[in-house]
Protein backbone atom coordinates (compact mmCIF):
# COMPACT_ATOMS: atom_id res chain seq x y z
CA MET A 1 0.05 0.07 -0.05
CA LYS A 2 0.98 3.48 -0.59
CA PHE A 3 -0.89 6.54 0.90
CA SER A 4 -0.35 9.91 2.50
CA VAL A 5 -1.83 10.86 5.69
CA PHE A 6 -2.15 13.80 7.92
CA GLN A 7 -4.00 14.32 11.33
CA LEU A 8 -4.81 17.31 13.43
CA SER A 9 -6.77 18.21 16.56
CA ARG A 10 -7.29 21.47 18.11
CA ARG A 11 -9.16 22.49 21.09
CA GLY A 12 -11.99 25.10 20.57
CA ALA A 13 -13.66 27.32 23.16
CA ARG A 14 -13.97 24.13 25.53
CA ALA A 15 -12.26 23.38 28.75
CA VAL A 16 -11.12 19.96 27.43
CA ASN A 17 -10.67 18.56 24.00
CA GLU A 18 -12.74 15.36 24.00
CA ASP A 19 -11.68 14.38 20.22
CA ARG A 20 -9.33 11.60 19.48
CA MET A 21 -8.06 10.36 16.27
CA GLY A 22 -5.28 7.83 15.00
CA TYR A 23 -4.49 5.27 12.43
CA CYS A 24 -2.53 1.72 12.32
CA TYR A 25 -1.30 -0.32 9.55
CA THR A 26 0.28 -3.36 8.46
CA ARG A 27 1.72 -4.23 5.09
CA GLU A 28 -1.77 -5.17 3.76
CA ALA A 29 -4.37 -3.06 5.74
CA ALA A 30 -4.92 0.17 7.42
CA LEU A 31 -7.17 1.37 9.85
CA PHE A 32 -8.15 5.02 10.38
CA LEU A 33 -10.29 6.17 13.49
CA LEU A 34 -11.70 9.29 14.80
CA ALA A 35 -13.97 9.66 17.89
CA ASP A 36 -15.68 12.59 19.50
CA GLY A 37 -16.44 12.26 23.34
CA MET A 38 -19.83 13.59 23.87
CA GLY A 39 -20.34 16.71 26.10
CA GLY A 40 -23.06 16.72 28.72
CA HIS A 41 -21.65 13.30 29.79
CA ALA A 42 -18.85 12.70 32.18
CA GLU A 43 -15.23 11.94 30.72
CA GLY A 44 -16.36 11.94 27.10
CA GLU A 45 -12.62 12.01 26.25
CA VAL A 46 -12.11 8.78 28.06
CA ALA A 47 -14.87 7.21 26.04
CA ALA A 48 -13.35 8.59 22.82
CA GLN A 49 -9.77 7.20 24.07
CA LEU A 50 -11.16 3.82 24.74
CA ALA A 51 -12.89 3.51 21.71
CA LEU A 52 -9.84 4.01 19.74
CA GLN A 53 -7.75 1.77 21.85
CA SER A 54 -10.31 -1.09 21.66
CA ILE A 55 -10.54 -1.06 17.91
CA ALA A 56 -7.05 -0.65 17.28
CA ALA A 57 -6.13 -3.58 19.63
CA GLN A 58 -8.49 -5.59 17.89
CA PHE A 59 -6.99 -4.63 14.33
CA GLN A 60 -3.60 -5.62 15.69
CA ARG A 61 -4.53 -8.95 16.78
CA GLU A 62 -6.71 -9.77 13.56
CA ALA A 63 -4.75 -7.96 10.71
CA THR A 64 -1.97 -10.50 10.07
CA SER A 65 -1.58 -9.02 7.74
CA ALA A 66 -4.80 -8.55 6.17
CA LEU A 67 -8.22 -8.71 7.69
CA ALA A 68 -10.47 -11.83 6.82
CA ASP A 69 -13.65 -9.55 6.31
CA PRO A 70 -13.25 -5.71 6.81
CA SER A 71 -17.10 -5.17 7.11
CA ASP A 72 -17.28 -7.82 9.83
CA PHE A 73 -14.40 -6.77 11.66
CA LEU A 74 -15.73 -3.22 12.01
CA SER A 75 -19.18 -4.40 13.17
CA ARG A 76 -17.76 -6.50 15.80
CA ALA A 77 -14.84 -4.06 17.01
CA VAL A 78 -17.51 -1.11 17.61
CA LEU A 79 -19.51 -3.40 19.70
CA THR A 80 -16.59 -4.52 21.62
CA ALA A 81 -15.62 -0.77 22.15
CA HIS A 82 -18.89 0.03 23.37
CA GLN A 83 -18.64 -2.92 25.89
CA GLN A 84 -15.33 -1.46 27.00
CA ILE A 85 -16.77 1.96 27.78
CA GLN A 86 -19.67 0.41 29.91
CA ARG A 87 -17.31 -1.92 31.63
CA TYR A 88 -15.16 1.32 32.55
CA ALA A 89 -18.06 3.11 33.88
CA LYS A 90 -19.17 0.00 35.89
CA LEU A 91 -15.90 -0.32 37.44
CA LYS A 92 -15.75 3.28 38.39
CA ARG A 93 -19.31 3.21 39.70
CA MET A 94 -20.35 6.00 37.34
CA PRO A 95 -24.18 6.57 37.27
CA ASP A 96 -23.89 7.30 33.66
CA ALA A 97 -21.26 6.04 31.21
CA PRO A 98 -19.36 8.31 29.19
CA ARG A 99 -20.35 8.43 25.53
CA THR A 100 -18.65 8.97 22.18
CA THR A 101 -19.35 9.17 18.44
CA VAL A 102 -16.89 7.12 16.20
CA VAL A 103 -15.89 6.76 12.58
CA ALA A 104 -13.66 4.13 11.41
CA CYS A 105 -12.30 3.11 7.96
CA VAL A 106 -10.21 0.10 6.59
CA VAL A 107 -8.25 0.27 3.52
CA GLN A 108 -7.32 -3.06 2.12
CA ASN A 109 -6.91 -4.59 -1.48
CA GLY A 110 -7.30 -0.90 -2.76
CA ALA A 111 -10.65 -0.50 -1.29
CA ALA A 112 -12.22 1.27 1.64
CA THR A 113 -14.89 0.15 3.97
CA TRP A 114 -16.28 2.43 6.80
CA LEU A 115 -18.33 2.29 9.64
CA HIS A 116 -19.76 5.21 11.72
CA CYS A 117 -21.92 5.71 14.66
CA GLY A 118 -23.13 9.29 15.59
CA ASP A 119 -22.17 12.44 13.77
CA SER A 120 -18.49 11.99 13.24
CA ARG A 121 -18.21 11.98 9.40
CA LEU A 122 -16.23 10.44 6.53
CA TYR A 123 -15.93 12.13 3.14
CA TRP A 124 -14.88 10.41 -0.11
CA VAL A 125 -13.76 12.82 -2.48
CA ARG A 126 -12.26 12.31 -6.19
CA GLN A 127 -10.78 15.20 -8.15
CA GLY A 128 -12.88 17.52 -5.93
CA GLN A 129 -16.00 15.92 -6.33
CA LEU A 130 -17.91 14.26 -3.51
CA LEU A 131 -18.55 10.46 -4.10
CA ALA A 132 -20.05 9.59 -0.77
CA ARG A 133 -20.32 10.76 2.96
CA THR A 134 -21.62 8.97 5.99
CA ARG A 135 -25.01 10.23 7.23
CA ASP A 136 -25.47 11.53 10.78
CA HIS A 137 -27.55 9.58 13.23
CA SER A 138 -29.39 12.72 14.31
CA TYR A 139 -32.95 13.75 13.83
CA MET A 140 -31.89 16.30 11.65
CA GLU A 141 -30.35 13.83 9.00
CA MET A 142 -33.14 11.44 9.53
CA GLU A 143 -35.66 14.14 8.47
CA ARG A 144 -33.42 15.08 5.44
CA ASN A 145 -33.14 11.50 4.15
CA THR A 146 -36.98 10.29 4.64
CA ALA A 147 -40.00 11.30 3.16
CA MET A 148 -41.84 11.50 6.29
CA PRO A 149 -40.79 14.23 8.71
CA VAL A 150 -39.67 13.35 12.15
CA ARG A 151 -42.46 13.71 14.86
CA LEU A 152 -43.09 17.01 16.21
CA ALA A 153 -42.00 16.41 19.78
CA GLN A 154 -38.42 15.82 18.27
CA LYS A 155 -38.56 18.90 16.03
CA LEU A 156 -39.25 21.00 18.97
CA LEU A 157 -36.00 19.74 20.40
CA ASN A 158 -32.70 20.19 19.20
CA ARG A 159 -32.74 18.16 15.75
CA ASN A 160 -28.91 17.98 16.18
CA VAL A 161 -29.52 15.60 18.82
CA LEU A 162 -28.02 12.09 18.17
CA PHE A 163 -30.05 8.94 18.75
CA THR A 164 -27.23 6.66 18.97
CA CYS A 165 -23.55 6.61 20.27
CA LEU A 166 -21.18 4.26 22.08
CA GLY A 167 -21.46 4.05 25.67
CA ALA A 168 -25.28 4.44 25.91
CA SER A 169 -27.36 1.95 27.81
CA GLY A 170 -28.72 0.39 24.62
CA LYS A 171 -26.95 -1.22 21.81
CA PRO A 172 -25.51 1.33 19.38
CA ILE A 173 -26.83 1.67 15.98
CA PHE A 174 -24.13 1.96 13.24
CA ASP A 175 -23.84 1.80 9.62
CA VAL A 176 -21.14 0.19 7.48
CA SER A 177 -20.41 1.08 3.82
CA GLY A 178 -18.18 -0.67 1.27
CA PRO A 179 -16.06 -2.03 -0.01
CA HIS A 180 -15.66 0.93 -2.26
CA ILE A 181 -12.70 0.69 -5.04
CA LEU A 182 -10.28 3.47 -4.71
CA ARG A 183 -8.43 5.22 -7.42
CA SER A 184 -5.06 6.94 -7.32
CA GLY A 185 -5.72 10.50 -5.90
CA ASP A 186 -8.75 9.66 -4.11
CA ARG A 187 -8.93 11.31 -0.64
CA LEU A 188 -10.80 10.21 2.54
CA LEU A 189 -11.54 12.61 5.27
CA LEU A 190 -12.61 11.68 8.78
CA CYS A 191 -13.76 14.60 10.96
CA SER A 192 -15.62 15.74 13.91
CA ASP A 193 -18.56 17.98 13.85
CA GLY A 194 -16.34 20.78 14.86
CA LEU A 195 -15.00 20.82 11.33
CA TRP A 196 -18.01 20.01 9.10
CA GLY A 197 -20.39 22.20 11.43
CA ALA A 198 -18.41 25.20 10.79
CA LEU A 199 -17.61 24.89 6.95
CA LYS A 200 -19.92 24.74 4.33
CA GLU A 201 -19.53 21.42 2.23
CA PRO A 202 -18.38 23.12 -1.05
CA ALA A 203 -15.74 25.03 1.10
CA LEU A 204 -14.69 21.84 2.89
CA LEU A 205 -14.47 19.80 -0.35
CA HIS A 206 -12.54 22.66 -2.15
CA GLY A 207 -10.00 22.84 0.79
CA LEU A 208 -9.63 19.18 0.94
CA ALA A 209 -8.81 18.91 -2.82
CA SER A 210 -6.73 21.92 -3.42
CA LEU A 211 -3.55 20.95 -1.49
CA PRO A 212 -1.65 18.11 -0.21
CA VAL A 213 -3.67 16.61 2.74
CA ALA A 214 -0.51 17.68 4.91
CA GLN A 215 -1.42 21.30 3.99
CA ALA A 216 -5.20 20.90 3.53
CA ILE A 217 -5.80 19.67 7.13
CA PRO A 218 -4.27 22.49 8.95
CA ALA A 219 -5.90 25.09 6.96
CA LEU A 220 -9.32 23.63 7.22
CA VAL A 221 -9.11 23.15 10.86
CA GLU A 222 -7.92 26.77 11.38
CA SER A 223 -10.97 28.03 8.93
CA ALA A 224 -13.13 26.20 11.29
CA LEU A 225 -11.71 27.69 14.46
CA GLN A 226 -11.84 31.31 12.99
CA ILE A 227 -15.40 30.88 11.64
CA THR A 228 -16.68 30.04 14.98
CA GLY A 229 -14.57 31.97 17.10
CA ASP A 230 -15.34 31.98 20.90
CA LYS A 231 -17.96 29.63 20.18
CA SER A 232 -16.05 27.04 18.65
CA ASP A 233 -16.26 23.48 19.22
CA ASN A 234 -13.07 21.15 19.22
CA VAL A 235 -12.02 20.45 15.51
CA THR A 236 -10.24 17.24 14.77
CA ALA A 237 -9.67 15.75 11.17
CA LEU A 238 -7.71 13.01 9.73
CA ALA A 239 -7.22 12.51 5.96
CA LEU A 240 -5.47 10.28 3.45
CA GLU A 241 -4.70 10.40 -0.08
CA TRP A 242 -4.57 6.88 -1.74
CA GLU A 243 -1.50 6.33 -4.01
CA MET A 244 0.26 9.46 -4.17
CA PRO A 245 2.30 9.66 -7.62
CA ASP A 246 6.00 8.45 -7.01
CA ASP A 247 7.30 11.97 -7.90
CA VAL A 248 5.48 13.61 -5.16
CA GLN A 249 6.70 13.56 -1.70
CA SER A 250 4.98 15.11 1.47
CA ALA A 251 4.61 14.64 5.24
CA GLY A 252 2.83 11.54 6.13
CA ASP A 253 3.51 9.46 3.36
CA VAL A 254 3.38 5.70 4.11
CA ARG A 255 4.80 2.89 1.85
CA THR A 256 4.07 -0.52 3.39
CA ASP A 257 5.86 -2.50 0.65
CA THR A 258 9.30 -1.22 1.97
CA ALA A 259 8.26 -2.30 5.59
CA SER A 260 10.63 -4.58 7.42
CA ILE A 261 10.03 -7.67 9.42
CA SER A 262 10.44 -5.53 12.54
CA GLU A 263 7.61 -2.98 11.04
CA LEU A 264 4.76 -5.25 10.13
CA PHE A 265 2.45 -3.29 12.64
CA ALA A 266 2.68 0.63 13.12
CA SER A 267 0.14 2.78 14.97
CA THR A 268 -0.39 6.35 16.16
CA ILE A 269 -2.75 5.06 18.80
CA GLN A 270 -1.55 4.68 22.27
CA SER A 271 -2.32 1.13 23.56
CA SER A 272 -3.07 0.08 27.11
CA HIS A 273 -2.33 -3.44 28.68
CA GLU A 274 -5.98 -3.73 29.29
CA LEU A 275 -6.94 -3.53 25.69
CA ASP A 276 -4.06 -5.73 24.37
CA ALA A 277 -5.79 -8.52 26.29
CA LEU A 278 -9.52 -7.99 26.07
CA ASP A 279 -10.54 -11.62 26.88
CA ASP A 280 -8.24 -12.22 29.72
CA PRO A 281 -9.99 -11.72 33.22
CA LEU A 282 -8.43 -8.82 35.23
CA ASP A 283 -8.47 -8.36 38.97
CA GLU A 284 -9.71 -5.15 40.54
CA ASP A 285 -6.46 -3.56 41.34
CA GLU A 286 -5.05 -4.37 37.71
CA ILE A 287 -8.16 -2.70 36.31
CA GLU A 288 -7.59 0.29 38.38
CA ARG A 289 -4.12 0.63 37.29
CA ASN A 290 -5.12 0.47 33.61
CA ILE A 291 -7.72 3.13 34.34
CA ALA A 292 -5.06 5.45 35.74
CA GLU A 293 -2.72 4.68 32.71
CA ILE A 294 -5.55 5.72 30.35
CA ASN A 295 -6.40 8.75 32.29
CA ALA A 296 -2.83 9.79 32.69
CA ALA A 297 -2.54 9.49 28.75
CA ILE A 298 -5.51 11.69 28.30
CA ARG A 299 -4.20 14.56 30.76
CA ARG A 300 -0.91 14.56 28.81
CA SER A 301 -2.60 14.85 25.49
CA ALA A 302 -4.87 17.47 26.61
CA ALA A 303 -2.04 19.56 28.00
CA SER A 304 0.05 19.17 25.04
CA LYS A 305 -2.87 20.70 23.01
CA ALA A 306 -3.63 23.66 25.38
């Protein structure tokens, strides 16, 4: 595989950046992830971190070096992540579990398969034209995409309210799409609502297509922050360009056909001991140590972005 990738997260006018993103890959498969911890619920950043760690750990175990079935993997992995968040809340005796959205994409055999739950989005762009994007699990998006309007009671509420996420009491609703065959130059963007909510879609697509992803993402993120000003949400984006031409070199270029035996797995997602052994029973002391490790990583991440 050959692709160029760039990721960036900026804290907006919020006390904490609850967004998380990252990617990992083997010689034959790559996984791209973004989660947006939900405000209004305690420790949304923990939910987002746990979601990424859980899905990445499962990818590392199963992608040796390709996944048997990317759609099946994503479906199982997101449910495991949901269970990990609920488990965390139970261990900490929280009255309400932390919650997060998630969007995940696997690229394998020249094709992309993605899953999303909530309103973190994926855009698939070719030569500046939108080929597909995920549809938010919100009442507003439901109304846009069905002939029948949502019930009046829901319309009186904020229609941006989500009706599913990871960590809630019920089983999460999610959509899987793909595999979609990629062409050289295609771009995939994963982003939080802090980006797509601030920028109109034509501007977002133009910005994504007009520059290398290592330049396009910082420009888009900065534009979103400037437009929303002191009301800005956290803004997070991860984008990749598939099969960059050989004569074009940029930050974030990945070429897995040159990987050595010691580089069979690479990741920007910090793992934890607990999530490297999801099926192993842990005693309470070990679980508390792992929770402390996760929280320390989150505090370091928040401090570096402040």
